[in-house]
Amino acid sequence: MRIGESAPDFRDLLGTDRKKYSLASFAHIPTLVLVVSCNHCPYVQAYEDRMIAIQRDYKDRGVGFVAVNSNDDKDYPEDNYENMVKRANEKGFNFPYIRDQAQSLAKALSAVCTPEIFVFDVERKLVYHGRIDDNRDPTKVTTHDLRNALDAVTAGKKPPIAETRPFGCSVKW
């Protein structure tokens, strides 16, 4: 899968910084990590600090995170845009957090849960898909799947494991 082919509607998506984003907005980033995310999911909430830390630790290695909230905000108002802005500010996200109101990006990725990770290389080819690590509780993590994948990709290698099973809350369609 290539992001350019699979997500043609990744354009003019509004970020919590009030800027519009498209795939071209991230063309300068060699390794792009898309995180299907939201506000209300306790799994996402448990991983937010880890996402911030991973972005901080890998930014200088050419990695860029983008969190994408595609959840239906009519039945889940805590996931609406204004609450996204509030959440991003409260947590101090060091990556764009964008709203996929039409759910087109999540559908193009065939996303099923939050958080769900999609790592694309410089050619925007999917090189890792799955989870951040193996436990919602950071004190019980034994496998750092995303970090392992990023270590490999930023070294010009293939990830040791290209796919893991993501877990969390279902995407709200």
Foldseek 3Di string as FASTA:
>chain_A
DFLVVLQVPQWQWAWLVRDGGHPVVLLQQFKEKEWAAFQPWLLQVLCQVVVQVVCVVCVVLRYAYEYEYAAACVVPVCRDSVNNNVVCVVSVRPHTYTYPPVSRSCVSVVDWAGGWIFMAGSRRDTQATAAQFDDSHVVPTDGRQVVQQSVQRSVVHGRPDRYDHHDTGTRHD
